[in-house]
N, C-alpha and C. Protein backbone atom coordinates (compact mmCIF):
# COMPACT_ATOMS: atom_id res chain seq x y z
N MET A 1 0.59 -0.90 0.30
CA MET A 1 -0.53 0.20 -0.41
C MET A 1 0.89 1.11 0.44
N ALA A 2 2.35 0.95 0.59
CA ALA A 2 3.01 2.23 0.76
C ALA A 2 3.21 2.55 -0.57
N PHE A 3 3.57 1.46 -1.77
CA PHE A 3 4.55 1.83 -2.71
C PHE A 3 3.34 2.20 -3.57
N VAL A 4 1.80 2.13 -3.38
CA VAL A 4 1.29 2.51 -4.21
C VAL A 4 0.95 4.41 -3.92
N LYS A 5 1.04 4.58 -3.07
CA LYS A 5 0.75 6.43 -2.63
C LYS A 5 1.72 6.89 -2.88
N LYS A 6 3.37 5.93 -2.49
CA LYS A 6 4.60 6.74 -3.05
C LYS A 6 4.21 7.39 -4.69
N LEU A 7 3.97 5.93 -5.31
CA LEU A 7 4.12 6.10 -6.53
C LEU A 7 2.97 7.43 -7.52
N MET A 8 1.79 6.90 -6.43
CA MET A 8 0.88 8.80 -7.32
C MET A 8 1.00 9.35 -6.30
N MET A 9 1.91 9.87 -5.26
CA MET A 9 2.97 10.97 -5.51
C MET A 9 3.44 11.37 -6.28
N TRP A 10 4.36 10.41 -7.43
CA TRP A 10 4.93 11.04 -8.07
C TRP A 10 4.90 11.47 -9.74
N LEU A 11 3.40 10.10 -9.59
CA LEU A 11 2.53 10.59 -10.90
C LEU A 11 2.57 12.20 -10.67
N GLY A 12 1.72 12.06 -9.40
CA GLY A 12 0.86 13.19 -9.56
C GLY A 12 1.72 14.86 -8.98
N SER A 13 3.20 14.66 -8.99
CA SER A 13 4.25 15.64 -9.09
C SER A 13 4.40 15.99 -10.69
N ILE A 14 4.60 14.92 -10.74
CA ILE A 14 5.06 14.59 -12.85
C ILE A 14 3.89 15.46 -13.53
N PHE A 15 2.56 15.28 -13.09
CA PHE A 15 1.47 16.48 -13.93
C PHE A 15 1.24 17.34 -13.44
N LEU A 16 1.30 17.62 -12.05
CA LEU A 16 1.33 19.13 -12.27
C LEU A 16 2.64 20.21 -12.57
N LEU A 17 3.86 19.42 -13.21
CA LEU A 17 5.06 19.95 -14.06
C LEU A 17 4.67 19.99 -14.88
N ILE A 18 3.61 18.78 -15.33
CA ILE A 18 3.84 19.10 -17.22
C ILE A 18 3.08 19.99 -17.35
N ILE A 19 1.76 20.39 -16.23
CA ILE A 19 1.07 21.36 -16.51
C ILE A 19 1.56 22.85 -16.78
N ILE A 20 2.88 23.39 -14.99
CA ILE A 20 3.08 24.39 -15.22
C ILE A 20 4.33 24.50 -16.94
N LEU A 21 4.05 23.69 -16.94
CA LEU A 21 5.28 23.76 -18.03
C LEU A 21 4.06 23.93 -19.71
N ILE A 22 3.20 23.22 -19.59
CA ILE A 22 2.30 24.43 -20.28
C ILE A 22 1.68 25.77 -20.22
N ILE A 23 1.14 26.38 -18.95
CA ILE A 23 1.28 27.23 -18.65
C ILE A 23 2.43 28.46 -18.63
N PHE A 24 3.21 27.87 -19.19
CA PHE A 24 4.74 28.65 -19.15
C PHE A 24 5.00 28.86 -20.80
N LEU A 25 4.73 28.06 -21.60
CA LEU A 25 4.48 28.48 -22.62
C LEU A 25 3.98 28.32 -23.84
N ALA A 26 2.13 28.67 -22.99
CA ALA A 26 1.28 29.38 -23.63
C ALA A 26 1.42 31.21 -23.09
N ALA A 27 2.75 31.27 -21.69
CA ALA A 27 2.50 32.62 -21.67
C ALA A 27 3.76 33.23 -22.34
N GLY A 28 4.31 32.33 -22.47
CA GLY A 28 5.44 32.87 -23.16
C GLY A 28 5.28 32.89 -24.98
N SER A 29 4.87 32.37 -25.59
CA SER A 29 4.05 32.86 -26.82
C SER A 29 3.31 33.26 -27.00
N SER A 30 2.40 33.56 -25.82
CA SER A 30 1.36 35.06 -25.97
C SER A 30 2.03 36.14 -25.71
N SER A 31 3.04 36.25 -25.03
CA SER A 31 4.20 37.65 -24.94
C SER A 31 4.92 38.08 -26.03
N PHE A 32 5.50 36.77 -26.95
CA PHE A 32 6.24 36.77 -28.54
C PHE A 32 5.27 37.25 -29.10
N LYS A 33 4.25 37.01 -28.77
CA LYS A 33 3.28 37.44 -30.28
C LYS A 33 3.19 38.22 -29.87
N GLU A 34 2.81 39.35 -28.88
CA GLU A 34 2.88 41.02 -28.92
C GLU A 34 3.86 41.45 -28.95
N GLU A 35 4.83 41.06 -28.54
CA GLU A 35 6.60 41.55 -29.43
C GLU A 35 6.62 41.52 -30.52
N GLN A 36 6.59 40.51 -31.42
CA GLN A 36 6.86 40.63 -32.55
C GLN A 36 5.98 40.83 -33.75
N GLU A 37 4.23 41.10 -33.26
CA GLU A 37 3.99 41.25 -34.06
C GLU A 37 3.90 42.74 -35.10
N PRO A 38 4.49 43.97 -33.68
CA PRO A 38 4.49 44.47 -34.90
C PRO A 38 5.83 44.34 -36.08
N PHE A 39 6.91 44.22 -35.45
CA PHE A 39 8.24 43.75 -36.29
C PHE A 39 7.14 42.61 -38.44
N VAL A 40 6.60 42.17 -38.22
CA VAL A 40 6.21 41.28 -38.68
C VAL A 40 5.18 42.39 -39.44
N GLN A 41 4.31 43.10 -38.86
CA GLN A 41 3.55 44.10 -40.44
C GLN A 41 4.72 45.15 -41.04
N GLN A 42 5.48 45.00 -39.84
CA GLN A 42 6.38 46.81 -40.95
C GLN A 42 6.79 45.59 -41.63
N PHE A 43 7.07 44.19 -41.65
CA PHE A 43 7.62 43.57 -42.42
C PHE A 43 7.28 43.49 -43.62
N ILE A 44 5.92 42.70 -43.86
CA ILE A 44 5.27 42.58 -44.94
C ILE A 44 5.20 43.87 -45.24
N ALA A 45 4.69 44.87 -44.54
CA ALA A 45 3.98 46.25 -45.60
C ALA A 45 5.81 46.86 -46.64
N ASP A 46 7.19 46.70 -45.68
CA ASP A 46 7.93 47.07 -46.47
C ASP A 46 8.18 45.91 -47.39
N PHE A 47 8.31 45.13 -47.87
CA PHE A 47 8.50 43.84 -47.93
C PHE A 47 7.41 43.91 -49.67
N SER A 48 6.43 44.11 -49.31
CA SER A 48 5.28 44.43 -49.88
C SER A 48 5.83 45.16 -51.28
N GLN A 49 5.85 47.00 -50.87
CA GLN A 49 6.12 47.28 -51.60
C GLN A 49 7.23 47.61 -53.31
N ARG A 50 7.58 46.66 -53.19
CA ARG A 50 8.38 46.05 -54.33
C ARG A 50 8.65 44.74 -54.78
N TRP A 51 8.22 44.52 -53.79
CA TRP A 51 8.57 42.74 -54.02
C TRP A 51 10.10 42.88 -53.52
N GLU A 52 11.18 43.37 -53.38
CA GLU A 52 12.59 43.40 -53.55
C GLU A 52 13.24 42.94 -52.48
N THR A 53 14.04 41.94 -52.35
CA THR A 53 14.71 41.25 -51.28
C THR A 53 15.70 42.39 -50.46
N GLN A 54 16.12 43.52 -51.57
CA GLN A 54 17.02 43.92 -50.92
C GLN A 54 16.51 45.04 -49.69
N ASP A 55 14.89 45.58 -49.43
CA ASP A 55 14.63 46.36 -49.30
C ASP A 55 13.87 45.62 -47.42
N VAL A 56 14.76 44.39 -47.76
CA VAL A 56 14.06 43.81 -46.48
C VAL A 56 15.11 42.92 -45.57
N TYR A 57 16.46 43.50 -46.69
CA TYR A 57 17.89 42.47 -46.38
C TYR A 57 18.22 42.70 -45.41
N ALA A 58 18.27 44.05 -44.37
CA ALA A 58 19.10 43.53 -42.95
C ALA A 58 17.76 42.55 -42.04
N ARG A 59 16.39 42.50 -41.93
CA ARG A 59 16.17 41.47 -41.85
C ARG A 59 15.71 40.12 -42.17
N LEU A 60 16.58 39.74 -42.80
CA LEU A 60 16.02 38.35 -43.52
C LEU A 60 18.00 37.30 -42.70
N SER A 61 16.96 36.20 -42.84
CA SER A 61 18.41 35.52 -41.74
C SER A 61 19.31 34.97 -42.89
N ASN A 62 20.22 34.43 -42.13
CA ASN A 62 21.26 34.43 -43.75
C ASN A 62 21.08 33.11 -44.26
N GLU A 63 20.24 32.41 -43.65
CA GLU A 63 19.54 30.83 -44.09
C GLU A 63 19.08 31.17 -45.30
N PHE A 64 18.24 32.49 -45.15
CA PHE A 64 16.69 32.66 -45.40
C PHE A 64 17.48 33.20 -47.16
N ILE A 65 18.38 33.95 -46.41
CA ILE A 65 18.95 34.61 -48.33
C ILE A 65 19.60 33.98 -48.77
N GLU A 66 19.62 32.82 -48.62
CA GLU A 66 20.36 31.61 -49.30
C GLU A 66 19.83 30.81 -50.11
N GLN A 67 18.64 30.50 -49.49
CA GLN A 67 17.08 30.41 -49.96
C GLN A 67 16.74 30.65 -51.21
N ILE A 68 16.83 32.17 -50.98
CA ILE A 68 15.83 32.57 -52.42
C ILE A 68 16.86 33.38 -53.72
N SER A 69 17.89 32.94 -52.96
CA SER A 69 19.27 33.38 -54.04
C SER A 69 19.29 32.33 -55.09
N THR A 70 18.39 31.49 -55.22
CA THR A 70 18.27 30.65 -55.93
C THR A 70 17.19 31.00 -57.42
N GLN A 71 16.86 30.64 -58.70
CA GLN A 71 16.47 31.13 -59.61
C GLN A 71 15.13 30.72 -59.52
N GLU A 72 14.61 29.78 -58.65
CA GLU A 72 13.37 29.53 -58.83
C GLU A 72 12.79 30.58 -57.59
N SER A 73 13.34 30.83 -56.85
CA SER A 73 13.04 31.75 -55.81
C SER A 73 12.90 33.41 -56.70
N LYS A 74 13.23 33.57 -57.21
CA LYS A 74 13.61 34.00 -58.32
C LYS A 74 12.44 34.75 -59.01
N ILE A 75 11.81 33.53 -59.81
CA ILE A 75 10.64 33.38 -60.12
C ILE A 75 9.44 34.10 -59.13
N ILE A 76 9.41 33.40 -58.39
CA ILE A 76 8.46 33.30 -57.37
C ILE A 76 8.47 34.38 -56.73
N LEU A 77 9.20 35.09 -56.17
CA LEU A 77 9.21 37.03 -56.22
C LEU A 77 8.27 37.31 -56.77
N ASN A 78 9.07 37.17 -58.53
CA ASN A 78 8.71 37.98 -59.58
C ASN A 78 7.02 37.73 -59.58
N GLN A 79 6.34 36.26 -59.06
CA GLN A 79 4.55 35.62 -59.01
C GLN A 79 4.11 37.10 -57.72
N PHE A 80 5.05 37.67 -56.75
CA PHE A 80 4.55 37.85 -55.59
C PHE A 80 3.98 39.55 -56.01
N LYS A 81 5.22 40.00 -57.41
CA LYS A 81 4.53 41.25 -57.68
C LYS A 81 3.19 41.44 -58.05
N THR A 82 2.55 40.08 -58.75
CA THR A 82 1.51 40.51 -59.29
C THR A 82 0.34 41.00 -57.91
N MET A 83 0.92 40.46 -56.83
CA MET A 83 -0.17 40.69 -55.55
C MET A 83 0.11 42.31 -55.40
N GLY A 84 0.66 43.02 -55.83
CA GLY A 84 0.47 44.51 -55.35
C GLY A 84 0.81 44.34 -53.88
N LYS A 85 0.87 45.88 -53.90
CA LYS A 85 1.26 46.23 -51.68
C LYS A 85 -0.19 45.74 -51.31
N ILE A 86 0.63 45.54 -50.01
CA ILE A 86 -0.56 45.03 -48.81
C ILE A 86 -1.30 46.62 -48.42
N GLN A 87 -2.89 45.31 -47.92
CA GLN A 87 -3.64 46.78 -47.99
C GLN A 87 -4.25 46.85 -46.02
N SER A 88 -4.48 45.33 -46.05
CA SER A 88 -4.65 45.37 -44.50
C SER A 88 -4.02 44.06 -44.36
N ILE A 89 -3.95 43.36 -43.09
CA ILE A 89 -4.06 42.44 -42.73
C ILE A 89 -4.61 42.04 -41.65
N SER A 90 -5.19 40.76 -41.38
CA SER A 90 -6.26 40.28 -40.31
C SER A 90 -6.19 38.66 -39.65
N ASP A 91 -7.07 38.45 -38.94
CA ASP A 91 -5.99 37.36 -38.69
C ASP A 91 -5.15 36.21 -38.40
N PHE A 92 -4.43 37.15 -37.61
CA PHE A 92 -2.91 37.53 -37.20
C PHE A 92 -3.19 35.80 -35.85
N GLU A 93 -2.48 35.06 -36.12
CA GLU A 93 -2.09 34.01 -35.36
C GLU A 93 -1.00 33.59 -35.09
N ILE A 94 -0.17 32.92 -33.88
CA ILE A 94 0.82 32.14 -33.80
C ILE A 94 1.46 30.40 -33.56
N GLY A 95 1.74 30.07 -34.43
CA GLY A 95 1.29 28.69 -33.58
C GLY A 95 3.59 28.40 -33.72
N HIS A 96 3.90 27.19 -33.75
CA HIS A 96 4.98 26.08 -33.40
C HIS A 96 5.99 27.46 -32.68
N TYR A 97 5.74 27.73 -31.79
CA TYR A 97 6.49 28.50 -30.29
C TYR A 97 7.63 27.55 -30.37
N ASN A 98 8.65 28.23 -29.73
CA ASN A 98 9.69 27.38 -29.23
C ASN A 98 10.53 28.62 -29.04
N ALA A 99 11.34 27.98 -27.96
CA ALA A 99 12.66 29.59 -27.05
C ALA A 99 13.36 28.06 -26.75
N HIS A 100 14.63 28.41 -26.92
CA HIS A 100 15.67 27.61 -26.32
C HIS A 100 16.69 28.72 -26.53
N THR A 101 17.89 28.16 -26.18
CA THR A 101 19.37 29.17 -25.28
C THR A 101 19.72 30.19 -26.80
N SER A 102 19.20 29.38 -28.41
CA SER A 102 19.45 30.28 -29.17
C SER A 102 18.46 30.63 -29.46
N GLY A 103 17.79 31.42 -29.21
CA GLY A 103 16.85 32.83 -29.57
C GLY A 103 15.09 31.96 -29.15
N THR A 104 14.58 32.26 -30.17
CA THR A 104 13.29 31.87 -29.82
C THR A 104 12.42 32.00 -31.57
N THR A 105 11.81 31.16 -31.76
CA THR A 105 11.10 31.11 -33.17
C THR A 105 9.35 31.11 -32.96
N GLY A 106 8.93 31.78 -33.78
CA GLY A 106 7.48 31.92 -33.70
C GLY A 106 7.10 31.72 -35.02
N GLU A 107 5.82 30.61 -35.58
CA GLU A 107 5.26 30.73 -36.89
C GLU A 107 4.37 31.83 -36.86
N PHE A 108 4.24 32.94 -37.85
CA PHE A 108 3.41 33.75 -37.69
C PHE A 108 2.25 33.57 -38.99
N SER A 109 1.09 33.34 -38.99
CA SER A 109 -0.20 33.10 -39.78
C SER A 109 -1.37 33.75 -39.84
N PHE A 110 -1.46 34.70 -41.23
CA PHE A 110 -2.39 35.91 -41.19
C PHE A 110 -2.93 35.49 -42.77
N LYS A 111 -3.97 36.18 -42.36
CA LYS A 111 -4.28 36.91 -43.42
C LYS A 111 -4.17 37.81 -44.42
N GLY A 112 -3.70 38.18 -45.78
CA GLY A 112 -3.70 39.67 -46.41
C GLY A 112 -4.37 39.99 -47.59
N SER A 113 -4.59 41.47 -47.45
CA SER A 113 -5.44 41.25 -48.85
C SER A 113 -4.26 42.93 -49.19
N PHE A 114 -4.47 42.17 -50.83
CA PHE A 114 -3.41 43.09 -51.51
C PHE A 114 -3.87 44.01 -52.33
N GLU A 115 -3.73 44.54 -53.23
CA GLU A 115 -4.29 45.68 -54.19
C GLU A 115 -4.64 45.03 -55.12
N ASN A 116 -4.26 43.64 -55.50
CA ASN A 116 -4.58 42.49 -56.16
C ASN A 116 -5.39 40.76 -55.83
N GLY A 117 -5.50 41.23 -54.87
CA GLY A 117 -6.11 39.88 -54.24
C GLY A 117 -5.60 39.19 -53.02
N ASP A 118 -6.01 38.58 -52.51
CA ASP A 118 -6.02 37.91 -50.95
C ASP A 118 -5.14 36.47 -51.15
N ALA A 119 -4.28 36.61 -49.42
CA ALA A 119 -3.42 35.99 -49.40
C ALA A 119 -3.47 35.13 -48.08
N LEU A 120 -2.57 34.09 -47.58
CA LEU A 120 -2.55 33.72 -46.52
C LEU A 120 -0.49 33.74 -46.69
N ILE A 121 -0.31 34.55 -45.60
CA ILE A 121 0.64 34.52 -45.59
C ILE A 121 1.14 33.48 -44.20
N ASN A 122 2.45 33.07 -44.54
CA ASN A 122 2.67 31.76 -43.14
C ASN A 122 4.34 32.94 -43.14
N MET A 123 5.36 33.27 -42.02
CA MET A 123 6.71 33.54 -41.72
C MET A 123 7.14 33.21 -40.48
N THR A 124 7.97 32.15 -40.65
CA THR A 124 8.87 32.22 -39.62
C THR A 124 9.93 33.37 -38.72
N VAL A 125 9.64 33.77 -37.67
CA VAL A 125 10.58 34.48 -37.25
C VAL A 125 11.43 34.59 -36.28
N LYS A 126 12.58 34.53 -36.11
CA LYS A 126 13.39 34.13 -35.39
C LYS A 126 13.95 35.04 -33.85
N SER A 127 13.77 35.36 -32.92
CA SER A 127 14.71 36.92 -31.66
C SER A 127 15.42 35.88 -31.43
N SER A 128 16.82 36.62 -31.34
CA SER A 128 17.83 36.37 -30.27
C SER A 128 18.73 37.48 -30.09
N ASP A 129 20.20 37.37 -29.49
CA ASP A 129 20.97 38.13 -29.45
C ASP A 129 21.61 39.22 -30.55
N ASN A 130 21.31 38.56 -32.27
CA ASN A 130 21.71 39.46 -32.42
C ASN A 130 20.40 39.95 -33.81
N GLY A 131 19.48 40.34 -33.21
CA GLY A 131 17.88 41.09 -33.29
C GLY A 131 17.05 40.04 -34.24
N VAL A 132 16.00 40.97 -34.83
CA VAL A 132 15.16 39.82 -34.78
C VAL A 132 15.29 39.21 -36.83
N ARG A 133 14.99 38.24 -36.60
CA ARG A 133 15.13 38.00 -37.99
C ARG A 133 13.71 37.24 -38.98
N VAL A 134 13.86 37.10 -40.24
CA VAL A 134 12.88 36.40 -40.66
C VAL A 134 13.80 34.99 -41.39
N ILE A 135 12.95 34.00 -40.79
CA ILE A 135 13.88 32.62 -41.39
C ILE A 135 13.23 31.50 -42.35
N PHE A 136 11.43 32.31 -42.77
CA PHE A 136 10.90 30.88 -43.79
C PHE A 136 9.66 32.37 -43.76
N PHE A 137 9.67 32.25 -45.39
CA PHE A 137 8.12 33.09 -45.49
C PHE A 137 8.14 32.95 -46.74
N ARG A 138 6.05 31.69 -46.51
CA ARG A 138 5.19 31.85 -47.87
C ARG A 138 4.14 32.29 -47.88
N LEU A 139 3.79 33.16 -49.12
CA LEU A 139 2.98 33.60 -49.38
C LEU A 139 1.79 32.00 -50.76
N THR A 140 0.53 31.92 -49.73
CA THR A 140 -0.36 31.32 -50.32
C THR A 140 -1.59 32.09 -51.11
N PRO A 141 -1.50 32.70 -52.69
CA PRO A 141 -2.54 33.41 -52.78
C PRO A 141 -3.87 33.04 -52.52
N SER A 142 -5.26 33.08 -52.79
CA SER A 142 -6.34 32.79 -52.86
C SER A 142 -6.45 32.08 -54.25
N THR A 143 -6.56 32.74 -55.10
CA THR A 143 -6.49 32.50 -56.46
C THR A 143 -5.03 32.28 -56.98
N PRO A 144 -4.68 31.65 -57.51
CA PRO A 144 -3.06 30.63 -58.17
C PRO A 144 -2.61 31.87 -59.33
N PHE A 145 -1.11 31.55 -59.18
CA PHE A 145 -0.75 32.64 -59.72
C PHE A 145 -0.47 31.89 -60.97
N VAL A 146 -1.35 32.72 -62.36
CA VAL A 146 -1.24 32.50 -63.15
C VAL A 146 -0.39 32.08 -63.95
N LYS A 147 0.15 30.80 -64.71
CA LYS A 147 1.60 30.80 -65.61
C LYS A 147 0.98 31.60 -66.54
N THR A 148 1.95 32.29 -67.23
CA THR A 148 2.20 33.41 -68.27
C THR A 148 3.06 32.42 -69.62
N GLU A 149 2.47 32.37 -70.77
CA GLU A 149 3.41 31.85 -71.59
C GLU A 149 3.49 33.07 -73.25
N PRO A 150 4.69 33.45 -73.76
CA PRO A 150 4.36 34.13 -74.57
C PRO A 150 3.14 33.91 -76.17
N VAL A 151 2.85 34.89 -76.19
CA VAL A 151 1.57 34.52 -77.57
C VAL A 151 2.85 34.54 -78.83
N ASN A 152 2.51 33.34 -79.44
CA ASN A 152 3.21 33.68 -80.76
C ASN A 152 2.18 35.04 -82.08
N GLN A 153 2.88 36.34 -82.12
CA GLN A 153 2.14 37.20 -82.57
C GLN A 153 1.29 37.01 -84.22
N ASN A 154 2.41 36.09 -84.51
CA ASN A 154 2.83 35.76 -86.03
C ASN A 154 1.73 34.83 -86.40
N ALA A 155 0.84 34.19 -85.49
CA ALA A 155 0.37 32.96 -86.13
C ALA A 155 -1.00 33.90 -86.28
């Protein structure tokens, strides 16, 4: 009987620690969202002005800069230009929040209304001693980008 009592006390203690950890993480993600939401909104406003990485270069992580240097990424950026400038942002949410010794990351998801359509935007931001940097960006338009082919004018 004493063994069962000790086992229940250990299980109760572990359960209590898990509850405290969940509360701590929820409070941390809420705080991170409040701190980084202005950065994310300013980033998308600046980036959508011309859809040029030079406009937001200082706010991009090294890994992200390497990814966008490919020919395929340049084609995608040209497609983003068809969206125009951001007009409004709604349904701002945070997910995949991680806090560790090298910094804190969080994935922001929000809807954006642009001059030429609407889109869902996912952006992962990392905050560390080096500042805040975008490490991932994805824009999913509500209507797919149309791939245009040159038309033969002599036909």
